[in-house]
N, C-alpha and C. Protein backbone atom coordinates (compact mmCIF):
# COMPACT_ATOMS: atom_id res chain seq x y z
N UNK A 1 -35.06 -9.30 29.08
CA UNK A 1 -35.34 -10.46 28.31
C UNK A 1 -34.82 -11.72 29.03
N UNK A 2 -33.62 -11.56 29.65
CA UNK A 2 -33.07 -12.69 30.39
C UNK A 2 -34.00 -13.11 31.52
N UNK A 3 -34.58 -12.11 32.21
CA UNK A 3 -35.53 -12.41 33.26
C UNK A 3 -36.72 -13.19 32.72
N UNK A 4 -37.23 -12.78 31.58
CA UNK A 4 -38.37 -13.47 30.97
C UNK A 4 -37.99 -14.93 30.68
N UNK A 5 -36.83 -15.16 30.10
CA UNK A 5 -36.42 -16.53 29.80
C UNK A 5 -36.28 -17.34 31.05
N UNK A 6 -35.70 -16.72 32.13
CA UNK A 6 -35.56 -17.41 33.39
C UNK A 6 -36.91 -17.80 33.97
N UNK A 7 -37.83 -16.83 34.00
CA UNK A 7 -39.17 -17.10 34.53
C UNK A 7 -39.89 -18.16 33.73
N UNK A 8 -39.73 -18.09 32.42
CA UNK A 8 -40.37 -19.08 31.56
C UNK A 8 -39.82 -20.49 31.88
N UNK A 9 -38.53 -20.56 32.18
CA UNK A 9 -37.93 -21.83 32.49
C UNK A 9 -38.35 -22.31 33.88
N UNK A 10 -38.36 -21.39 34.87
CA UNK A 10 -38.71 -21.72 36.26
C UNK A 10 -40.18 -22.15 36.35
N UNK A 11 -41.05 -21.45 35.66
CA UNK A 11 -42.48 -21.73 35.75
C UNK A 11 -42.97 -22.67 34.67
N UNK A 12 -42.06 -23.44 34.13
CA UNK A 12 -42.48 -24.42 33.10
C UNK A 12 -43.49 -25.38 33.70
N UNK A 13 -44.52 -25.63 32.94
CA UNK A 13 -45.58 -26.54 33.38
C UNK A 13 -45.25 -27.97 32.95
N UNK A 14 -45.68 -28.92 33.74
CA UNK A 14 -45.59 -30.32 33.27
C UNK A 14 -46.39 -30.48 31.97
N UNK A 15 -46.06 -31.43 31.15
CA UNK A 15 -46.71 -31.60 29.85
C UNK A 15 -48.22 -31.60 29.89
N UNK A 16 -48.85 -32.36 30.80
CA UNK A 16 -50.30 -32.37 30.82
C UNK A 16 -50.88 -30.97 31.13
N UNK A 17 -50.27 -30.25 32.04
CA UNK A 17 -50.76 -28.91 32.34
C UNK A 17 -50.48 -27.92 31.21
N UNK A 18 -49.34 -28.10 30.55
CA UNK A 18 -49.01 -27.27 29.39
C UNK A 18 -50.07 -27.42 28.29
N UNK A 19 -50.48 -28.66 28.05
CA UNK A 19 -51.49 -28.93 27.06
C UNK A 19 -52.82 -28.32 27.50
N UNK A 20 -53.15 -28.44 28.77
CA UNK A 20 -54.40 -27.85 29.31
C UNK A 20 -54.38 -26.32 29.17
N UNK A 21 -53.22 -25.74 29.46
CA UNK A 21 -53.11 -24.27 29.31
C UNK A 21 -53.29 -23.85 27.85
N UNK A 22 -52.66 -24.58 26.95
CA UNK A 22 -52.80 -24.26 25.52
C UNK A 22 -54.27 -24.38 25.07
N UNK A 23 -54.95 -25.40 25.55
CA UNK A 23 -56.38 -25.56 25.21
C UNK A 23 -57.18 -24.42 25.77
N UNK A 24 -56.87 -24.03 27.01
CA UNK A 24 -57.58 -22.90 27.64
C UNK A 24 -57.41 -21.64 26.80
N UNK A 25 -56.17 -21.31 26.45
CA UNK A 25 -55.92 -20.05 25.70
C UNK A 25 -56.57 -20.10 24.34
N UNK A 26 -56.57 -21.27 23.70
CA UNK A 26 -57.22 -21.40 22.40
C UNK A 26 -58.74 -21.17 22.52
N UNK A 27 -59.37 -21.74 23.53
CA UNK A 27 -60.79 -21.52 23.76
C UNK A 27 -61.07 -20.08 24.09
N UNK A 28 -60.24 -19.49 24.91
CA UNK A 28 -60.40 -18.09 25.30
C UNK A 28 -60.35 -17.18 24.08
N UNK A 29 -59.37 -17.43 23.23
CA UNK A 29 -59.22 -16.61 22.02
C UNK A 29 -60.40 -16.78 21.10
N UNK A 30 -60.91 -17.99 20.94
CA UNK A 30 -62.05 -18.21 20.07
C UNK A 30 -63.32 -17.59 20.62
N UNK A 31 -63.55 -17.75 21.92
CA UNK A 31 -64.77 -17.23 22.54
C UNK A 31 -64.81 -15.71 22.56
N UNK A 32 -63.67 -15.10 22.79
CA UNK A 32 -63.61 -13.65 22.89
C UNK A 32 -63.14 -12.95 21.62
N UNK A 33 -62.85 -13.74 20.63
CA UNK A 33 -62.38 -13.19 19.32
C UNK A 33 -61.17 -12.28 19.50
N UNK A 34 -60.29 -12.69 20.40
CA UNK A 34 -59.02 -11.98 20.62
C UNK A 34 -57.93 -12.99 20.84
N UNK A 35 -56.74 -12.52 20.64
CA UNK A 35 -55.57 -13.37 20.88
C UNK A 35 -55.12 -13.19 22.31
N UNK A 36 -54.80 -14.28 22.99
CA UNK A 36 -54.26 -14.20 24.37
C UNK A 36 -52.94 -13.46 24.33
N UNK A 37 -52.77 -12.49 25.21
CA UNK A 37 -51.55 -11.68 25.24
C UNK A 37 -50.91 -11.87 26.61
N UNK A 38 -49.66 -12.29 26.63
CA UNK A 38 -48.96 -12.49 27.90
C UNK A 38 -48.61 -11.15 28.52
N UNK A 39 -48.26 -11.20 29.80
CA UNK A 39 -47.88 -9.97 30.51
C UNK A 39 -46.64 -9.35 29.87
N UNK A 40 -45.73 -10.18 29.41
CA UNK A 40 -44.52 -9.65 28.74
C UNK A 40 -44.91 -8.95 27.46
N UNK A 41 -45.85 -9.53 26.69
CA UNK A 41 -46.30 -8.89 25.44
C UNK A 41 -47.03 -7.58 25.77
N UNK A 42 -47.83 -7.57 26.84
CA UNK A 42 -48.55 -6.34 27.21
C UNK A 42 -47.57 -5.23 27.56
N UNK A 43 -46.51 -5.59 28.29
CA UNK A 43 -45.52 -4.59 28.65
C UNK A 43 -44.81 -4.05 27.39
N UNK A 44 -44.50 -4.95 26.47
CA UNK A 44 -43.84 -4.54 25.22
C UNK A 44 -44.77 -3.68 24.38
N UNK A 45 -46.07 -4.04 24.33
CA UNK A 45 -47.04 -3.22 23.60
C UNK A 45 -47.15 -1.83 24.21
N UNK A 46 -47.20 -1.76 25.53
CA UNK A 46 -47.29 -0.46 26.21
C UNK A 46 -46.07 0.41 25.93
N UNK A 47 -44.91 -0.23 25.99
CA UNK A 47 -43.67 0.50 25.70
C UNK A 47 -43.69 1.02 24.29
N UNK A 48 -44.12 0.15 23.36
CA UNK A 48 -44.23 0.59 21.95
C UNK A 48 -45.21 1.71 21.77
N UNK A 49 -46.35 1.65 22.50
CA UNK A 49 -47.34 2.69 22.44
C UNK A 49 -46.78 4.03 22.91
N UNK A 50 -46.05 3.97 24.05
CA UNK A 50 -45.46 5.18 24.60
C UNK A 50 -44.41 5.77 23.62
N UNK A 51 -43.61 4.89 23.06
CA UNK A 51 -42.59 5.37 22.09
C UNK A 51 -43.28 5.98 20.86
N UNK A 52 -44.34 5.36 20.40
CA UNK A 52 -45.11 5.89 19.26
C UNK A 52 -45.71 7.24 19.56
N UNK A 53 -46.23 7.39 20.77
CA UNK A 53 -46.81 8.71 21.16
C UNK A 53 -45.72 9.77 21.19
N UNK A 54 -44.58 9.39 21.75
CA UNK A 54 -43.47 10.36 21.80
C UNK A 54 -43.02 10.77 20.42
N UNK A 55 -42.84 9.78 19.55
CA UNK A 55 -42.39 10.06 18.17
C UNK A 55 -43.48 10.88 17.42
N UNK A 56 -44.73 10.61 17.69
CA UNK A 56 -45.81 11.39 17.08
C UNK A 56 -45.79 12.82 17.51
N UNK A 57 -45.54 13.03 18.82
CA UNK A 57 -45.48 14.39 19.33
C UNK A 57 -44.30 15.13 18.73
N UNK A 58 -43.15 14.46 18.62
CA UNK A 58 -41.99 15.10 18.00
C UNK A 58 -42.28 15.50 16.56
N UNK A 59 -42.85 14.57 15.81
CA UNK A 59 -43.15 14.83 14.39
C UNK A 59 -44.12 15.98 14.24
N UNK A 60 -45.18 15.97 15.06
CA UNK A 60 -46.18 17.04 15.01
C UNK A 60 -45.55 18.41 15.32
N UNK A 61 -44.71 18.47 16.31
CA UNK A 61 -44.05 19.72 16.68
C UNK A 61 -43.11 20.17 15.55
N UNK A 62 -42.33 19.24 15.01
CA UNK A 62 -41.42 19.57 13.92
C UNK A 62 -42.21 20.10 12.73
N UNK A 63 -43.30 19.42 12.37
CA UNK A 63 -44.13 19.83 11.22
C UNK A 63 -44.74 21.20 11.44
N UNK A 64 -45.19 21.45 12.69
CA UNK A 64 -45.82 22.73 12.98
C UNK A 64 -44.81 23.89 12.83
N UNK A 65 -43.59 23.67 13.26
CA UNK A 65 -42.56 24.72 13.11
C UNK A 65 -42.29 24.99 11.64
N UNK A 66 -42.12 23.94 10.86
CA UNK A 66 -41.89 24.10 9.42
C UNK A 66 -43.04 24.83 8.78
N UNK A 67 -44.27 24.46 9.11
CA UNK A 67 -45.45 25.10 8.53
C UNK A 67 -45.50 26.58 8.85
N UNK A 68 -45.21 26.94 10.07
CA UNK A 68 -45.24 28.38 10.46
C UNK A 68 -44.15 29.13 9.70
N UNK A 69 -42.93 28.53 9.67
CA UNK A 69 -41.84 29.23 8.97
C UNK A 69 -42.10 29.35 7.48
N UNK A 70 -42.71 28.36 6.89
CA UNK A 70 -43.05 28.43 5.46
C UNK A 70 -44.08 29.53 5.22
N UNK A 71 -45.04 29.64 6.08
CA UNK A 71 -46.05 30.67 5.95
C UNK A 71 -45.44 32.07 6.08
N UNK A 72 -44.50 32.19 6.99
CA UNK A 72 -43.88 33.49 7.23
C UNK A 72 -42.80 33.84 6.18
N UNK A 73 -41.96 32.88 5.85
CA UNK A 73 -40.77 33.17 5.04
C UNK A 73 -40.76 32.46 3.70
N UNK A 74 -41.82 31.76 3.38
CA UNK A 74 -42.05 31.02 2.12
C UNK A 74 -41.08 29.86 1.94
N UNK A 75 -39.90 30.04 1.52
CA UNK A 75 -39.00 28.91 1.22
C UNK A 75 -38.05 28.71 2.41
N UNK A 76 -37.82 27.43 2.73
CA UNK A 76 -36.91 27.08 3.81
C UNK A 76 -35.75 26.24 3.27
N UNK A 77 -34.57 26.51 3.78
CA UNK A 77 -33.44 25.67 3.37
C UNK A 77 -33.63 24.23 3.87
N UNK A 78 -33.26 23.28 3.08
CA UNK A 78 -33.33 21.88 3.49
C UNK A 78 -32.52 21.62 4.77
N UNK A 79 -31.42 22.32 4.89
CA UNK A 79 -30.59 22.13 6.08
C UNK A 79 -31.34 22.48 7.37
N UNK A 80 -32.19 23.51 7.29
CA UNK A 80 -32.98 23.90 8.46
C UNK A 80 -34.03 22.85 8.76
N UNK A 81 -34.72 22.38 7.73
CA UNK A 81 -35.73 21.34 7.93
C UNK A 81 -35.08 20.08 8.51
N UNK A 82 -33.95 19.69 7.97
CA UNK A 82 -33.22 18.52 8.47
C UNK A 82 -32.79 18.72 9.91
N UNK A 83 -32.31 19.91 10.26
CA UNK A 83 -31.89 20.20 11.62
C UNK A 83 -33.07 20.09 12.58
N UNK A 84 -34.24 20.57 12.17
CA UNK A 84 -35.43 20.48 13.01
C UNK A 84 -35.81 19.01 13.20
N UNK A 85 -35.68 18.22 12.18
CA UNK A 85 -36.04 16.79 12.27
C UNK A 85 -35.10 15.99 13.14
N UNK A 86 -33.94 16.55 13.44
CA UNK A 86 -32.98 15.86 14.31
C UNK A 86 -33.23 16.15 15.81
N UNK A 87 -34.04 17.15 16.11
CA UNK A 87 -34.31 17.52 17.51
C UNK A 87 -35.31 16.54 18.08
N UNK A 88 -34.93 15.88 19.18
CA UNK A 88 -35.82 14.89 19.80
C UNK A 88 -36.22 15.28 21.22
N UNK A 89 -36.18 16.57 21.51
CA UNK A 89 -36.55 17.10 22.81
C UNK A 89 -37.82 17.91 22.66
N UNK A 90 -38.94 17.40 23.22
CA UNK A 90 -40.21 18.08 23.01
C UNK A 90 -40.25 19.47 23.64
N UNK A 91 -39.52 19.64 24.76
CA UNK A 91 -39.46 20.93 25.40
C UNK A 91 -38.75 21.94 24.48
N UNK A 92 -37.66 21.54 23.90
CA UNK A 92 -36.92 22.42 22.98
C UNK A 92 -37.77 22.73 21.73
N UNK A 93 -38.46 21.75 21.22
CA UNK A 93 -39.33 21.99 20.07
C UNK A 93 -40.45 22.95 20.40
N UNK A 94 -40.98 22.86 21.61
CA UNK A 94 -42.03 23.76 22.05
C UNK A 94 -41.52 25.20 22.10
N UNK A 95 -40.30 25.36 22.59
CA UNK A 95 -39.67 26.70 22.63
C UNK A 95 -39.50 27.23 21.21
N UNK A 96 -38.97 26.39 20.33
CA UNK A 96 -38.74 26.80 18.95
C UNK A 96 -40.05 27.13 18.23
N UNK A 97 -41.12 26.42 18.58
CA UNK A 97 -42.42 26.71 17.96
C UNK A 97 -42.87 28.13 18.34
N UNK A 98 -42.72 28.50 19.61
CA UNK A 98 -43.08 29.85 20.03
C UNK A 98 -42.18 30.89 19.36
N UNK A 99 -40.90 30.55 19.23
CA UNK A 99 -39.97 31.49 18.60
C UNK A 99 -40.22 31.64 17.11
N UNK A 100 -40.69 30.56 16.47
CA UNK A 100 -40.98 30.60 15.03
C UNK A 100 -42.07 31.64 14.72
N UNK A 101 -42.95 31.86 15.65
CA UNK A 101 -44.04 32.83 15.46
C UNK A 101 -43.55 34.26 15.50
N UNK A 102 -42.52 34.52 16.35
CA UNK A 102 -42.13 35.88 16.58
C UNK A 102 -40.75 36.30 16.10
N UNK A 103 -39.93 35.34 15.64
CA UNK A 103 -38.58 35.66 15.20
C UNK A 103 -38.65 36.63 14.03
N UNK A 104 -37.70 37.55 13.98
CA UNK A 104 -37.73 38.58 12.95
C UNK A 104 -37.24 38.10 11.57
N UNK A 105 -36.37 37.11 11.56
CA UNK A 105 -35.84 36.68 10.26
C UNK A 105 -35.58 35.17 10.29
N UNK A 106 -35.51 34.62 9.10
CA UNK A 106 -35.22 33.18 8.96
C UNK A 106 -33.80 32.92 9.46
N UNK A 107 -32.89 33.84 9.18
CA UNK A 107 -31.51 33.66 9.63
C UNK A 107 -31.46 33.67 11.15
N UNK A 108 -32.27 34.53 11.78
CA UNK A 108 -32.32 34.53 13.24
C UNK A 108 -32.83 33.23 13.80
N UNK A 109 -33.82 32.62 13.11
CA UNK A 109 -34.35 31.32 13.56
C UNK A 109 -33.31 30.24 13.37
N UNK A 110 -32.58 30.29 12.26
CA UNK A 110 -31.53 29.30 12.04
C UNK A 110 -30.49 29.35 13.16
N UNK A 111 -30.21 30.54 13.63
CA UNK A 111 -29.24 30.69 14.72
C UNK A 111 -29.78 30.08 16.01
N UNK A 112 -31.11 30.26 16.24
CA UNK A 112 -31.72 29.66 17.44
C UNK A 112 -31.66 28.12 17.34
N UNK A 113 -31.90 27.59 16.19
CA UNK A 113 -31.83 26.12 16.00
C UNK A 113 -30.38 25.66 16.21
N UNK A 114 -29.44 26.42 15.69
CA UNK A 114 -28.03 26.06 15.85
C UNK A 114 -27.63 26.02 17.31
N UNK A 115 -28.19 26.88 18.12
CA UNK A 115 -27.89 26.88 19.56
C UNK A 115 -28.40 25.63 20.25
N UNK A 116 -29.46 25.01 19.68
CA UNK A 116 -30.04 23.84 20.34
C UNK A 116 -29.30 22.57 19.96
N UNK A 117 -28.41 22.64 18.99
CA UNK A 117 -27.74 21.43 18.54
C UNK A 117 -26.65 21.01 19.49
């Protein structure tokens, strides 16, 4: 962010050019029916998109594990569901998903989750 502020200060346009740039962006937005997005905003949007994808993958994996375990063992302790929701490693969740299919008991699965904490 400091770099952005520095660049914004260094590349400050003289008032007439600043006005011209503002007019250009306004026309661009109106003609294309889009808002002008700066490179800094594009980077922030991409970072947010990547974080959203990662969080979505985590949630989907966590939900899939819970769904499999509920199908197999019916009721799940809230502590187990909460423990699964705390795991933020997609590789570990993928392993637990495979184990949820074949583990012999719910207690055995809880021990596997406990090892990942």
